[in-house]
Protein backbone atom coordinates (compact mmCIF):
# COMPACT_ATOMS: atom_id res chain seq x y z
CA MET A 1 0.00 0.00 0.00
CA THR A 2 1.45 3.35 -1.06
CA ASN A 3 0.55 6.89 -0.11
CA SER A 4 -0.88 7.37 -3.58
CA ASP A 5 -3.36 4.53 -2.90
CA ILE A 6 -4.52 6.31 0.24
CA VAL A 7 -4.80 9.65 -1.55
CA SER A 8 -6.79 8.03 -4.35
CA PHE A 9 -9.14 6.31 -1.89
CA LEU A 10 -9.84 9.51 0.03
CA HIS A 11 -10.38 11.46 -3.19
CA ARG A 12 -12.80 8.84 -4.56
CA SER A 13 -14.64 8.89 -1.26
CA GLY A 14 -15.03 12.66 -1.26
CA LEU A 15 -12.94 13.04 1.89
CA SER A 16 -10.30 15.13 0.10
CA SER A 17 -10.07 17.26 -3.02
CA GLY A 18 -7.93 16.46 -6.04
CA GLY A 19 -5.30 19.15 -5.55
CA GLU A 20 -5.10 18.84 -1.79
CA THR A 21 -1.82 17.97 -0.09
CA LEU A 22 -2.39 15.35 2.59
CA ASP A 23 -0.25 14.68 5.65
CA ILE A 24 -0.11 10.86 5.96
CA GLU A 25 1.25 9.47 9.22
CA PRO A 26 1.56 5.70 9.89
CA LEU A 27 0.24 4.65 13.29
CA THR A 28 1.61 1.78 15.36
CA GLY A 29 0.22 -0.62 17.90
CA GLY A 30 -1.43 -3.52 16.06
CA VAL A 31 -0.20 -6.66 14.33
CA SER A 32 -3.10 -7.28 11.98
CA SER A 33 -3.50 -4.05 9.99
CA ASP A 34 -1.81 -1.00 8.55
CA ILE A 35 -3.30 2.18 9.98
CA TRP A 36 -2.71 5.82 9.09
CA LYS A 37 -3.72 9.19 10.42
CA VAL A 38 -4.42 11.40 7.41
CA THR A 39 -4.81 15.13 7.91
CA THR A 40 -7.10 16.71 5.31
CA ARG A 41 -8.47 20.22 4.97
CA GLY A 42 -11.60 18.96 6.68
CA GLY A 43 -9.64 17.55 9.60
CA PRO A 44 -7.93 14.28 10.48
CA VAL A 45 -9.31 10.87 9.50
CA CYS A 46 -8.11 7.36 10.24
CA VAL A 47 -7.54 4.95 7.33
CA LYS A 48 -7.21 1.22 7.95
CA ARG A 49 -6.30 -1.79 5.80
CA ALA A 50 -6.22 -5.42 6.98
CA LEU A 51 -3.08 -7.49 6.32
CA SER A 52 -3.15 -11.05 4.99
CA LYS A 53 0.03 -11.92 6.93
CA LEU A 54 0.05 -10.61 10.46
CA LYS A 55 3.08 -8.97 12.04
CA THR A 56 3.99 -11.73 14.52
CA ASP A 57 7.12 -13.83 15.00
CA LYS A 58 5.16 -17.02 14.40
CA GLU A 59 3.54 -17.50 10.99
CA TRP A 60 -0.04 -16.20 11.10
CA HIS A 61 -2.30 -15.63 8.11
CA ALA A 62 -5.91 -14.41 8.12
CA PRO A 63 -8.52 -13.50 5.48
CA VAL A 64 -8.53 -9.80 4.58
CA GLU A 65 -12.34 -9.87 4.35
CA ARG A 66 -12.29 -9.12 8.06
CA ASN A 67 -11.88 -5.45 7.08
CA ALA A 68 -15.52 -5.45 5.90
CA ASN A 69 -16.55 -7.27 9.07
CA GLU A 70 -15.08 -4.49 11.15
CA VAL A 71 -17.06 -1.86 9.24
CA ASP A 72 -20.25 -3.87 9.70
CA TRP A 73 -19.59 -4.39 13.41
CA ILE A 74 -19.06 -0.66 13.93
CA GLN A 75 -22.23 0.18 12.02
CA THR A 76 -24.25 -2.42 13.96
CA ALA A 77 -22.89 -1.30 17.33
CA SER A 78 -23.52 2.35 16.43
CA MET A 79 -27.24 1.64 16.26
CA ILE A 80 -27.07 0.42 19.87
CA LEU A 81 -24.51 2.77 21.44
CA PRO A 82 -23.52 5.50 18.93
CA ASN A 83 -21.00 7.10 21.29
CA SER A 84 -19.18 3.83 21.90
CA VAL A 85 -17.71 3.34 18.41
CA PRO A 86 -15.95 5.47 15.78
CA LYS A 87 -17.91 6.85 12.85
CA ILE A 88 -17.41 5.17 9.48
CA LEU A 89 -16.65 7.83 6.84
CA ALA A 90 -15.94 5.74 3.74
CA GLU A 91 -15.30 2.16 2.66
CA ASP A 92 -13.72 0.55 -0.40
CA GLY A 93 -14.16 -3.21 -0.24
CA GLY A 94 -12.20 -3.77 -3.45
CA ALA A 95 -9.19 -1.92 -2.09
CA GLY A 96 -9.65 -3.54 1.32
CA MET A 97 -9.66 -0.30 3.29
CA PHE A 98 -11.96 2.08 5.09
CA ALA A 99 -11.85 5.50 6.71
CA MET A 100 -13.26 6.39 10.11
CA SER A 101 -13.25 9.31 12.48
CA PHE A 102 -9.90 10.00 14.15
CA MET A 103 -10.06 10.32 17.91
CA GLU A 104 -7.44 12.59 19.38
CA PRO A 105 -5.34 10.79 22.02
CA ALA A 106 -5.57 13.70 24.44
CA GLU A 107 -9.36 13.38 24.48
CA TYR A 108 -9.55 9.61 24.01
CA PRO A 109 -6.67 7.97 25.90
CA VAL A 110 -6.05 4.27 25.35
CA TRP A 111 -7.16 2.20 28.32
CA LYS A 112 -4.05 0.01 28.15
CA GLU A 113 -1.85 3.07 28.62
CA GLN A 114 -3.91 4.21 31.60
CA LEU A 115 -3.63 0.77 33.19
CA ARG A 116 0.12 0.75 32.56
CA ASP A 117 0.50 4.15 34.18
CA GLY A 118 -1.45 3.24 37.31
CA ILE A 119 -4.65 5.04 36.32
CA ILE A 120 -6.93 2.19 37.33
CA SER A 121 -10.55 3.22 37.79
CA THR A 122 -13.22 0.70 38.80
CA LYS A 123 -15.73 3.14 37.30
CA THR A 124 -14.01 2.81 33.93
CA ALA A 125 -13.84 -0.99 34.20
CA TYR A 126 -17.54 -1.09 35.10
CA ALA A 127 -18.35 1.09 32.07
CA VAL A 128 -16.42 -1.27 29.78
CA GLY A 129 -18.35 -4.28 31.08
CA ASP A 130 -21.62 -2.38 30.81
CA THR A 131 -20.91 -1.34 27.20
CA LEU A 132 -19.98 -4.86 26.14
CA GLY A 133 -23.01 -6.33 27.89
CA LEU A 134 -25.39 -3.88 26.23
CA ILE A 135 -24.09 -4.71 22.74
CA HIS A 136 -24.32 -8.43 23.39
CA ALA A 137 -27.83 -8.23 24.84
CA ALA A 138 -29.10 -6.09 21.97
CA THR A 139 -27.89 -8.59 19.35
CA ALA A 140 -28.69 -11.83 21.16
CA ASP A 141 -30.41 -14.47 19.03
CA THR A 142 -31.05 -11.95 16.23
CA ALA A 143 -31.38 -13.79 12.93
CA SER A 144 -30.34 -10.90 10.68
CA VAL A 145 -27.17 -10.29 12.71
CA ALA A 146 -26.42 -14.01 12.73
CA ARG A 147 -26.65 -14.13 8.94
CA ARG A 148 -24.44 -11.09 8.40
CA PHE A 149 -21.76 -12.26 10.82
CA ALA A 150 -21.59 -15.93 9.88
CA THR A 151 -17.82 -15.52 9.83
CA ASP A 152 -16.84 -18.85 11.37
CA ASP A 153 -13.83 -19.34 9.07
CA ILE A 154 -12.38 -15.93 9.88
CA PHE A 155 -12.91 -16.33 13.62
CA HIS A 156 -11.30 -19.75 13.52
CA ALA A 157 -8.27 -18.40 11.63
CA ILE A 158 -7.68 -15.36 13.80
CA ARG A 159 -8.87 -16.48 17.24
CA ILE A 160 -9.65 -20.16 17.86
CA GLU A 161 -6.71 -21.65 15.96
CA PRO A 162 -3.91 -19.28 17.08
CA TYR A 163 -5.07 -18.96 20.67
CA LEU A 164 -6.49 -22.33 21.69
CA LEU A 165 -5.43 -24.92 19.13
CA ARG A 166 -1.83 -23.71 18.68
CA THR A 167 -1.48 -23.65 22.47
CA ALA A 168 -2.78 -27.21 22.60
CA GLU A 169 0.03 -28.22 20.22
CA THR A 170 2.70 -26.92 22.60
CA CYS A 171 1.06 -27.91 25.91
CA ASP A 172 0.39 -31.64 25.69
CA ASP A 173 -0.69 -32.02 29.30
CA VAL A 174 -3.75 -29.76 28.82
CA ALA A 175 -4.25 -30.23 25.08
CA GLU A 176 -7.47 -32.19 25.41
CA ARG A 177 -8.99 -29.50 27.62
CA LEU A 178 -7.96 -26.71 25.22
CA ILE A 179 -9.42 -28.58 22.25
CA THR A 180 -12.69 -28.99 24.15
CA LEU A 181 -12.78 -25.26 24.90
CA ALA A 182 -12.12 -24.50 21.23
CA ARG A 183 -14.97 -26.76 20.17
CA THR A 184 -17.41 -25.31 22.70
CA THR A 185 -16.56 -21.76 21.66
CA ALA A 186 -16.89 -22.52 17.95
CA GLU A 187 -20.25 -24.23 18.39
CA THR A 188 -21.89 -21.55 20.57
CA ARG A 189 -23.68 -18.89 18.53
CA ARG A 190 -25.73 -16.41 20.56
CA VAL A 191 -24.61 -12.76 20.11
CA LEU A 192 -22.48 -10.41 18.02
CA VAL A 193 -18.95 -10.98 19.30
CA HIS A 194 -16.24 -8.33 18.85
CA GLY A 195 -13.37 -10.79 19.22
CA ASP A 196 -10.62 -8.44 20.42
CA VAL A 197 -11.96 -6.63 23.47
CA SER A 198 -8.62 -5.76 25.01
CA PRO A 199 -7.46 -2.55 26.72
CA LYS A 200 -5.40 -1.56 23.66
CA ASN A 201 -8.65 -1.44 21.67
CA ILE A 202 -10.64 0.60 24.18
CA LEU A 203 -10.45 4.39 24.25
CA ILE A 204 -11.73 6.18 27.33
CA GLY A 205 -13.66 9.13 25.96
CA PRO A 206 -15.68 11.92 27.58
CA ASP A 207 -18.89 9.92 27.04
CA GLY A 208 -17.48 6.57 28.12
CA PRO A 209 -15.55 3.73 26.49
CA VAL A 210 -15.11 3.63 22.71
CA ILE A 211 -14.38 0.17 21.31
CA ILE A 212 -12.27 -0.12 18.15
CA ASP A 213 -10.57 -2.83 16.05
CA ALA A 214 -13.44 -5.24 15.39
CA GLU A 215 -11.78 -7.28 12.63
CA CYS A 216 -12.69 -10.54 14.38
CA ALA A 217 -16.44 -9.79 14.48
CA TRP A 218 -18.49 -12.99 14.58
CA PHE A 219 -21.93 -14.15 15.64
CA GLY A 220 -20.88 -16.56 18.32
CA ASP A 221 -20.06 -17.12 21.95
CA PRO A 222 -20.30 -14.03 24.20
CA ALA A 223 -18.11 -15.81 26.74
CA PHE A 224 -15.15 -15.23 24.44
CA ASP A 225 -15.39 -11.44 24.60
CA LEU A 226 -15.78 -11.29 28.37
CA ALA A 227 -13.03 -13.83 29.06
CA PHE A 228 -10.72 -12.14 26.55
CA CYS A 229 -11.02 -8.78 28.29
CA LEU A 230 -10.82 -10.12 31.85
CA ASN A 231 -7.72 -12.04 30.82
CA HIS A 232 -5.92 -8.79 30.11
CA LEU A 233 -6.66 -7.45 33.58
CA LEU A 234 -5.12 -10.59 35.08
CA LEU A 235 -2.04 -10.28 32.88
CA LYS A 236 -1.56 -6.68 33.97
CA CYS A 237 -0.97 -8.00 37.50
CA ILE A 238 2.22 -9.64 36.23
CA TRP A 239 3.24 -6.56 34.24
CA LYS A 240 2.78 -4.08 37.10
CA PRO A 241 2.58 -6.19 40.29
CA THR A 242 2.34 -3.21 42.64
CA ASN A 243 -1.09 -2.50 41.12
CA THR A 244 -2.42 -6.05 41.49
CA ALA A 245 -5.19 -5.18 43.96
CA SER A 246 -6.47 -2.40 41.70
CA TYR A 247 -6.40 -4.58 38.58
CA LEU A 248 -8.36 -7.28 40.39
CA SER A 249 -10.90 -4.70 41.59
CA GLY A 250 -11.28 -3.67 37.96
CA TYR A 251 -11.76 -7.33 37.02
CA ASP A 252 -14.59 -7.63 39.55
CA ALA A 253 -16.23 -4.37 38.43
CA LEU A 254 -16.11 -5.27 34.74
CA ALA A 255 -17.50 -8.75 35.33
CA SER A 256 -20.26 -7.45 37.61
CA ALA A 257 -21.40 -4.85 35.09
CA TYR A 258 -21.45 -7.34 32.24
CA LEU A 259 -23.29 -10.07 34.14
CA ASN A 260 -26.19 -7.66 34.76
CA HIS A 261 -27.09 -7.89 31.05
CA ILE A 262 -27.31 -11.64 30.52
CA SER A 263 -30.78 -12.43 29.20
CA TRP A 264 -30.14 -14.95 26.42
CA GLU A 265 -29.25 -17.93 28.66
CA PRO A 266 -29.15 -18.80 32.37
CA PRO A 267 -26.56 -16.48 33.95
CA ALA A 268 -24.93 -19.28 35.94
CA LYS A 269 -24.41 -21.34 32.78
CA PHE A 270 -22.85 -18.38 30.99
CA GLU A 271 -20.55 -17.49 33.88
CA ALA A 272 -19.32 -21.07 34.19
CA ARG A 273 -18.51 -21.22 30.47
CA THR A 274 -16.63 -17.92 30.69
CA ALA A 275 -14.73 -19.00 33.80
CA GLU A 276 -13.74 -22.27 32.09
CA LEU A 277 -12.49 -20.48 28.97
CA LEU A 278 -10.49 -17.84 30.84
CA PRO A 279 -7.54 -20.05 31.91
CA GLY A 280 -7.23 -21.33 28.34
CA LEU A 281 -6.92 -17.79 27.02
CA LEU A 282 -4.49 -16.98 29.83
CA LEU A 283 -2.16 -19.80 28.81
CA ALA A 284 -2.51 -18.78 25.15
CA ARG A 285 -0.93 -15.40 25.87
CA ILE A 286 2.24 -17.20 26.95
CA ASP A 287 2.41 -20.27 24.70
CA GLY A 288 0.12 -19.49 21.75
CA THR A 289 0.76 -17.71 18.46
CA SER A 290 0.44 -14.23 19.96
CA PRO A 291 2.20 -14.10 23.35
CA VAL A 292 1.69 -10.91 25.30
CA GLU A 293 4.67 -8.63 24.73
CA TYR A 294 5.15 -7.32 28.27
CA ILE A 295 5.66 -10.64 30.08
CA THR A 296 9.22 -11.61 29.22
CA SER A 297 10.92 -13.30 32.17
CA ASN A 298 10.64 -17.06 32.57
CA GLU A 299 9.68 -16.61 36.23
CA ASP A 300 6.70 -14.44 35.31
CA LYS A 301 5.67 -16.78 32.51
CA GLN A 302 5.70 -19.69 34.94
CA ILE A 303 3.31 -17.84 37.28
CA VAL A 304 0.84 -17.48 34.42
CA ARG A 305 1.30 -21.09 33.33
CA ARG A 306 0.68 -22.43 36.84
CA ALA A 307 -2.47 -20.37 37.32
CA ALA A 308 -3.78 -21.34 33.89
CA ARG A 309 -3.16 -25.04 34.45
CA ARG A 310 -4.90 -24.94 37.80
CA GLY A 311 -7.96 -23.51 36.08
CA LEU A 312 -7.78 -25.95 33.18
CA ASN A 313 -7.34 -29.02 35.37
CA ASP A 314 -9.98 -27.98 37.91
CA PRO A 315 -12.42 -25.78 35.94
CA PRO A 316 -13.96 -22.93 37.96
CA VAL A 317 -17.66 -22.14 37.81
CA LEU A 318 -17.38 -18.54 39.01
CA LEU A 319 -15.22 -15.75 37.64
CA SER A 320 -14.37 -14.75 41.20
CA GLU A 321 -13.13 -18.29 41.79
CA PHE A 322 -10.53 -18.09 39.05
CA ARG A 323 -9.59 -14.56 40.06
CA GLU A 324 -8.66 -15.99 43.47
CA THR A 325 -6.72 -18.83 41.86
CA PHE A 326 -4.70 -16.30 39.91
CA ARG A 327 -4.19 -13.99 42.89
CA LYS A 328 -2.77 -16.81 45.00
CA GLU A 329 -0.27 -17.70 42.28
CA CYS A 330 0.85 -14.07 42.15
CA SER A 331 1.34 -13.83 45.92
């Protein structure tokens, strides 16, 4: 992708004029897409294009059609919570790119950076859980959404295979359990799943959380989204151990807010499925295709592995139960 491709796309879309000089700045932070901030006469916009080969050490390929899925997820979510997603400005499916509103970092800080810097608000965590729960509840068992997001192949390629099945290949002692979790996740289809609800993809705006980067969008198991996000709060305890108590309070607040919205199945059944999946995702961030970048020492990795294996070998039924398992391993 060249700058001229971006200029041409924005001109075709009416977001810039033919003779206009554009300031094109590559943005960093993700492994699955190229992203640019483009300053036009009308103001800055964000342009995104999905990559077929992801920027990871281990080989990882994924269908570029997920770019269109992200646009559709944003548009669907905007009908539920318009302030919780960016605004789509233009899309070119043939070129595999789209433009959306650019959110200034000073006004929309990234949640991951706040958590890193010790800005750990249970109010923010609660709002994230509330936002996710509202989107899931509004799309639960909706036939039209299920048809549009029947993206099983994409979700398998970018989530189930690299996280659960690749981890099973390297962790023989819990492989059977991980394969079972992968099968359960793949076969559960209840709500519109985002697929990458992590602090790096959540901006904390003046009107609450804004969720971005929905390439993995899929009509599937809501337990994946909740477990995926809670997993990151546990991992932060290893990254910044002095903030462990605050991260775990955020974990409780996020889970509590989300659980208030469960209407599509018995809440106890949903919580148990989420609690069972969580240790699998935890282990995946050490031994899967996409290990978390901020846990580097073998000692820290072993803490995560021990906690994950305890949860895999003796599956919890409550999210608070696994939180305690993890806390004890960190002590």
